[in-house]
Amino acid sequence: MFHLVFQSYSLIVNFPITVSYHPKPPVNQAAFTLIELIVVVVILAILASYVTSRFSSSDSFKQDTIVEQIISAGQLTQQLSMNDSSRNFSLSIQSNQINLLADGTSFSAAGLSFPLLFDSSVTVSPTSTINFNSWGSTTPTRISVQLGTSINICFEASGLIHRC
């Protein structure tokens, strides 16, 4: 009970006073420590890296590498055709190799030499020769790279070369 006195008036006001008390949890309460959580996360990371390596084989990396080599060789052929209209550049695609031809002979410059040979387990089809004009355009062509699965590469009429 509080007593408030204002000058000559006496006022008695009842204010309930509540005190909240939060007891500590019991000592034997079950919980994970930080070290236990870190150990579990590390074990899960190790398992995840092991499982990931099992699902991705070296064949898929080999196939992706060949697809990217064909796309890069196509883009190089396109750039050379656009920059030097006095020569005829073409990309010859065989079942196990690609060859960039400049006026009918294999191209080589600055450490880059053609033909690029592929592993015998890889099949590239169909066999074709792709020519680009001075605008970078070509006839539409679809190339398939097979090694277990099949990945297609599209040479669009506009000159765009991409996986499709």
C-alpha atoms as a PDB file:
ATOM      1  CA  MET A   1       0.000   0.000   0.000  1.00  0.00           C
ATOM      2  CA  PHE A   2       1.288   3.433  -0.973  1.00  0.00           C
ATOM      3  CA  HIS A   3       0.539   6.666   0.804  1.00  0.00           C
ATOM      4  CA  LEU A   4       0.696   9.794  -1.234  1.00  0.00           C
ATOM      5  CA  VAL A   5       0.454  13.098   0.470  1.00  0.00           C
ATOM      6  CA  PHE A   6      -0.298  16.252  -1.499  1.00  0.00           C
ATOM      7  CA  GLN A   7       0.079  19.354   0.549  1.00  0.00           C
ATOM      8  CA  SER A   8      -2.718  19.044   3.028  1.00  0.00           C
ATOM      9  CA  TYR A   9      -4.585  16.219   1.392  1.00  0.00           C
ATOM     10  CA  SER A  10      -3.850  12.661   2.200  1.00  0.00           C
ATOM     11  CA  LEU A  11      -4.525  10.096  -0.447  1.00  0.00           C
ATOM     12  CA  ILE A  12      -4.244   6.402   0.015  1.00  0.00           C
ATOM     13  CA  VAL A  13      -3.995   4.400  -3.190  1.00  0.00           C
ATOM     14  CA  ASN A  14      -3.717   0.654  -3.457  1.00  0.00           C
ATOM     15  CA  PHE A  15      -1.364  -0.438  -6.271  1.00  0.00           C
ATOM     16  CA  PRO A  16      -0.882  -4.127  -6.668  1.00  0.00           C
ATOM     17  CA  ILE A  17       2.789  -4.878  -7.052  1.00  0.00           C
ATOM     18  CA  THR A  18       3.659  -7.962  -9.040  1.00  0.00           C
ATOM     19  CA  VAL A  19       7.129  -9.288  -9.324  1.00  0.00           C
ATOM     20  CA  SER A  20       7.777 -11.750 -12.102  1.00  0.00           C
ATOM     21  CA  TYR A  21      10.163 -14.480 -11.268  1.00  0.00           C
ATOM     22  CA  HIS A  22      11.787 -16.598 -13.974  1.00  0.00           C
ATOM     23  CA  PRO A  23      13.472 -19.575 -12.438  1.00  0.00           C
ATOM     24  CA  LYS A  24      16.549 -21.045 -14.118  1.00  0.00           C
ATOM     25  CA  PRO A  25      16.007 -24.250 -16.050  1.00  0.00           C
ATOM     26  CA  PRO A  26      16.984 -27.381 -14.251  1.00  0.00           C
ATOM     27  CA  VAL A  27      20.592 -28.408 -14.596  1.00  0.00           C
ATOM     28  CA  ASN A  28      19.760 -31.826 -16.019  1.00  0.00           C
ATOM     29  CA  GLN A  29      17.636 -30.429 -18.894  1.00  0.00           C
ATOM     30  CA  ALA A  30      18.478 -32.105 -22.230  1.00  0.00           C
ATOM     31  CA  ALA A  31      20.012 -29.884 -24.946  1.00  0.00           C
ATOM     32  CA  PHE A  32      22.715 -29.994 -27.624  1.00  0.00           C
ATOM     33  CA  THR A  33      25.987 -28.230 -27.046  1.00  0.00           C
ATOM     34  CA  LEU A  34      27.644 -26.131 -29.708  1.00  0.00           C
ATOM     35  CA  ILE A  35      30.387 -28.723 -30.177  1.00  0.00           C
ATOM     36  CA  GLU A  36      27.850 -31.472 -30.815  1.00  0.00           C
ATOM     37  CA  LEU A  37      26.080 -29.349 -33.424  1.00  0.00           C
ATOM     38  CA  ILE A  38      29.359 -28.538 -35.200  1.00  0.00           C
ATOM     39  CA  VAL A  39      30.331 -32.228 -35.289  1.00  0.00           C
ATOM     40  CA  VAL A  40      26.965 -33.139 -36.846  1.00  0.00           C
ATOM     41  CA  VAL A  41      27.305 -30.410 -39.496  1.00  0.00           C
ATOM     42  CA  VAL A  42      30.831 -31.585 -40.388  1.00  0.00           C
ATOM     43  CA  ILE A  43      29.666 -35.209 -40.700  1.00  0.00           C
ATOM     44  CA  LEU A  44      26.767 -34.138 -42.943  1.00  0.00           C
ATOM     45  CA  ALA A  45      29.143 -32.110 -45.142  1.00  0.00           C
ATOM     46  CA  ILE A  46      31.446 -35.110 -45.567  1.00  0.00           C
ATOM     47  CA  LEU A  47      28.520 -37.360 -46.474  1.00  0.00           C
ATOM     48  CA  ALA A  48      27.154 -34.798 -48.935  1.00  0.00           C
ATOM     49  CA  SER A  49      30.484 -34.501 -50.758  1.00  0.00           C
ATOM     50  CA  TYR A  50      30.771 -38.293 -50.959  1.00  0.00           C
ATOM     51  CA  VAL A  51      27.254 -38.703 -52.339  1.00  0.00           C
ATOM     52  CA  THR A  52      27.764 -35.872 -54.856  1.00  0.00           C
ATOM     53  CA  SER A  53      30.928 -37.492 -56.202  1.00  0.00           C
ATOM     54  CA  ARG A  54      29.048 -40.764 -56.665  1.00  0.00           C
ATOM     55  CA  PHE A  55      26.296 -39.176 -58.729  1.00  0.00           C
ATOM     56  CA  SER A  56      28.535 -37.203 -61.061  1.00  0.00           C
ATOM     57  CA  SER A  57      30.824 -39.454 -63.047  1.00  0.00           C
ATOM     58  CA  SER A  58      33.854 -38.504 -65.076  1.00  0.00           C
ATOM     59  CA  ASP A  59      31.902 -39.391 -68.239  1.00  0.00           C
ATOM     60  CA  SER A  60      29.539 -36.474 -67.718  1.00  0.00           C
ATOM     61  CA  PHE A  61      32.518 -34.127 -67.278  1.00  0.00           C
ATOM     62  CA  LYS A  62      34.110 -35.540 -70.423  1.00  0.00           C
ATOM     63  CA  GLN A  63      30.888 -35.037 -72.371  1.00  0.00           C
ATOM     64  CA  ASP A  64      30.450 -31.473 -71.075  1.00  0.00           C
ATOM     65  CA  THR A  65      34.034 -30.674 -72.035  1.00  0.00           C
ATOM     66  CA  ILE A  66      33.497 -31.904 -75.589  1.00  0.00           C
ATOM     67  CA  VAL A  67      30.247 -29.944 -75.919  1.00  0.00           C
ATOM     68  CA  GLU A  68      31.994 -26.774 -74.751  1.00  0.00           C
ATOM     69  CA  GLN A  69      34.899 -27.397 -77.144  1.00  0.00           C
ATOM     70  CA  ILE A  70      32.498 -27.704 -80.075  1.00  0.00           C
ATOM     71  CA  ILE A  71      30.659 -24.519 -79.057  1.00  0.00           C
ATOM     72  CA  SER A  72      33.962 -22.643 -78.636  1.00  0.00           C
ATOM     73  CA  ALA A  73      35.307 -23.889 -81.968  1.00  0.00           C
ATOM     74  CA  GLY A  74      32.044 -22.833 -83.628  1.00  0.00           C
ATOM     75  CA  GLN A  75      32.253 -19.363 -82.100  1.00  0.00           C
ATOM     76  CA  LEU A  76      35.895 -19.046 -83.162  1.00  0.00           C
ATOM     77  CA  THR A  77      35.003 -20.077 -86.715  1.00  0.00           C
ATOM     78  CA  GLN A  78      32.192 -17.527 -86.706  1.00  0.00           C
ATOM     79  CA  GLN A  79      34.478 -14.728 -85.459  1.00  0.00           C
ATOM     80  CA  LEU A  80      37.176 -15.541 -88.010  1.00  0.00           C
ATOM     81  CA  SER A  81      34.581 -15.546 -90.810  1.00  0.00           C
ATOM     82  CA  MET A  82      33.274 -12.162 -89.715  1.00  0.00           C
ATOM     83  CA  ASN A  83      36.736 -10.602 -89.341  1.00  0.00           C
ATOM     84  CA  ASP A  84      38.410 -11.926 -92.504  1.00  0.00           C
ATOM     85  CA  SER A  85      36.017 -12.129 -95.447  1.00  0.00           C
ATOM     86  CA  SER A  86      38.882 -12.811 -97.882  1.00  0.00           C
ATOM     87  CA  ARG A  87      39.276 -16.358 -96.519  1.00  0.00           C
ATOM     88  CA  ASN A  88      36.804 -19.213 -96.230  1.00  0.00           C
ATOM     89  CA  PHE A  89      36.532 -20.559 -92.656  1.00  0.00           C
ATOM     90  CA  SER A  90      34.478 -23.662 -91.865  1.00  0.00           C
ATOM     91  CA  LEU A  91      33.984 -26.063 -88.986  1.00  0.00           C
ATOM     92  CA  SER A  92      34.191 -29.715 -89.961  1.00  0.00           C
ATOM     93  CA  ILE A  93      32.511 -32.060 -87.477  1.00  0.00           C
ATOM     94  CA  GLN A  94      33.358 -35.765 -87.673  1.00  0.00           C
ATOM     95  CA  SER A  95      32.326 -38.625 -85.384  1.00  0.00           C
ATOM     96  CA  ASN A  96      35.412 -38.313 -83.169  1.00  0.00           C
ATOM     97  CA  GLN A  97      36.935 -34.923 -84.009  1.00  0.00           C
ATOM     98  CA  ILE A  98      36.285 -31.317 -84.962  1.00  0.00           C
ATOM     99  CA  ASN A  99      38.454 -29.380 -87.359  1.00  0.00           C
ATOM    100  CA  LEU A 100      38.527 -25.661 -88.052  1.00  0.00           C
ATOM    101  CA  LEU A 101      39.457 -25.217 -91.664  1.00  0.00           C
ATOM    102  CA  ALA A 102      40.864 -22.035 -93.201  1.00  0.00           C
ATOM    103  CA  ASP A 103      40.683 -22.233 -97.004  1.00  0.00           C
ATOM    104  CA  GLY A 104      40.502 -26.039 -96.738  1.00  0.00           C
ATOM    105  CA  THR A 105      43.484 -26.579 -94.434  1.00  0.00           C
ATOM    106  CA  SER A 106      43.563 -27.110 -90.665  1.00  0.00           C
ATOM    107  CA  PHE A 107      43.803 -23.862 -88.742  1.00  0.00           C
ATOM    108  CA  SER A 108      46.508 -23.189 -86.163  1.00  0.00           C
ATOM    109  CA  ALA A 109      47.538 -19.962 -84.495  1.00  0.00           C
ATOM    110  CA  ALA A 110      49.035 -18.857 -81.187  1.00  0.00           C
ATOM    111  CA  GLY A 111      49.261 -22.325 -79.636  1.00  0.00           C
ATOM    112  CA  LEU A 112      45.839 -23.378 -80.892  1.00  0.00           C
ATOM    113  CA  SER A 113      45.860 -26.163 -83.421  1.00  0.00           C
ATOM    114  CA  PHE A 114      43.190 -28.249 -85.060  1.00  0.00           C
ATOM    115  CA  PRO A 115      41.845 -30.935 -85.403  1.00  0.00           C
ATOM    116  CA  LEU A 116      40.674 -31.616 -81.868  1.00  0.00           C
ATOM    117  CA  LEU A 117      40.377 -35.356 -81.316  1.00  0.00           C
ATOM    118  CA  PHE A 118      37.822 -36.865 -78.945  1.00  0.00           C
ATOM    119  CA  ASP A 119      37.894 -40.043 -76.912  1.00  0.00           C
ATOM    120  CA  SER A 120      36.731 -43.112 -78.839  1.00  0.00           C
ATOM    121  CA  SER A 121      33.816 -43.587 -76.406  1.00  0.00           C
ATOM    122  CA  VAL A 122      32.279 -40.305 -77.588  1.00  0.00           C
ATOM    123  CA  THR A 123      30.143 -40.116 -80.705  1.00  0.00           C
ATOM    124  CA  VAL A 124      29.391 -36.828 -82.423  1.00  0.00           C
ATOM    125  CA  SER A 125      26.719 -36.927 -85.106  1.00  0.00           C
ATOM    126  CA  PRO A 126      25.802 -36.089 -87.775  1.00  0.00           C
ATOM    127  CA  THR A 127      28.989 -35.504 -89.718  1.00  0.00           C
ATOM    128  CA  SER A 128      28.744 -32.026 -91.176  1.00  0.00           C
ATOM    129  CA  THR A 129      30.606 -28.938 -92.295  1.00  0.00           C
ATOM    130  CA  ILE A 130      29.378 -25.614 -90.961  1.00  0.00           C
ATOM    131  CA  ASN A 131      30.138 -22.407 -92.856  1.00  0.00           C
ATOM    132  CA  PHE A 132      29.547 -18.864 -91.643  1.00  0.00           C
ATOM    133  CA  ASN A 133      29.117 -15.811 -93.845  1.00  0.00           C
ATOM    134  CA  SER A 134      30.609 -12.367 -93.166  1.00  0.00           C
ATOM    135  CA  TRP A 135      27.582 -11.528 -90.991  1.00  0.00           C
ATOM    136  CA  GLY A 136      28.128 -14.604 -88.778  1.00  0.00           C
ATOM    137  CA  SER A 137      25.038 -16.380 -90.099  1.00  0.00           C
ATOM    138  CA  THR A 138      24.924 -20.060 -90.992  1.00  0.00           C
ATOM    139  CA  THR A 139      22.466 -22.760 -91.983  1.00  0.00           C
ATOM    140  CA  PRO A 140      20.602 -24.224 -88.988  1.00  0.00           C
ATOM    141  CA  THR A 141      22.274 -27.409 -87.762  1.00  0.00           C
ATOM    142  CA  ARG A 142      21.802 -29.666 -84.759  1.00  0.00           C
ATOM    143  CA  ILE A 143      24.774 -31.694 -83.504  1.00  0.00           C
ATOM    144  CA  SER A 144      24.431 -34.511 -80.985  1.00  0.00           C
ATOM    145  CA  VAL A 145      27.219 -35.518 -78.577  1.00  0.00           C
ATOM    146  CA  GLN A 146      26.635 -38.989 -77.147  1.00  0.00           C
ATOM    147  CA  LEU A 147      28.371 -40.599 -74.207  1.00  0.00           C
ATOM    148  CA  GLY A 148      25.775 -42.535 -72.257  1.00  0.00           C
ATOM    149  CA  THR A 149      23.362 -39.642 -72.586  1.00  0.00           C
ATOM    150  CA  SER A 150      22.917 -37.258 -75.480  1.00  0.00           C
ATOM    151  CA  ILE A 151      23.527 -33.501 -75.444  1.00  0.00           C
ATOM    152  CA  ASN A 152      22.490 -31.437 -78.465  1.00  0.00           C
ATOM    153  CA  ILE A 153      24.211 -28.340 -79.805  1.00  0.00           C
ATOM    154  CA  CYS A 154      22.234 -26.002 -82.041  1.00  0.00           C
ATOM    155  CA  PHE A 155      23.758 -23.730 -84.652  1.00  0.00           C
ATOM    156  CA  GLU A 156      20.979 -21.229 -85.358  1.00  0.00           C
ATOM    157  CA  ALA A 157      20.568 -19.402 -88.681  1.00  0.00           C
ATOM    158  CA  SER A 158      21.212 -16.120 -86.863  1.00  0.00           C
ATOM    159  CA  GLY A 159      24.620 -17.393 -85.760  1.00  0.00           C
ATOM    160  CA  LEU A 160      23.712 -18.267 -82.166  1.00  0.00           C
ATOM    161  CA  ILE A 161      25.461 -21.450 -80.972  1.00  0.00           C
ATOM    162  CA  HIS A 162      24.071 -23.067 -77.818  1.00  0.00           C
ATOM    163  CA  ARG A 163      22.997 -26.257 -76.078  1.00  0.00           C
ATOM    164  CA  CYS A 164      19.484 -27.213 -77.025  1.00  0.00           C
END
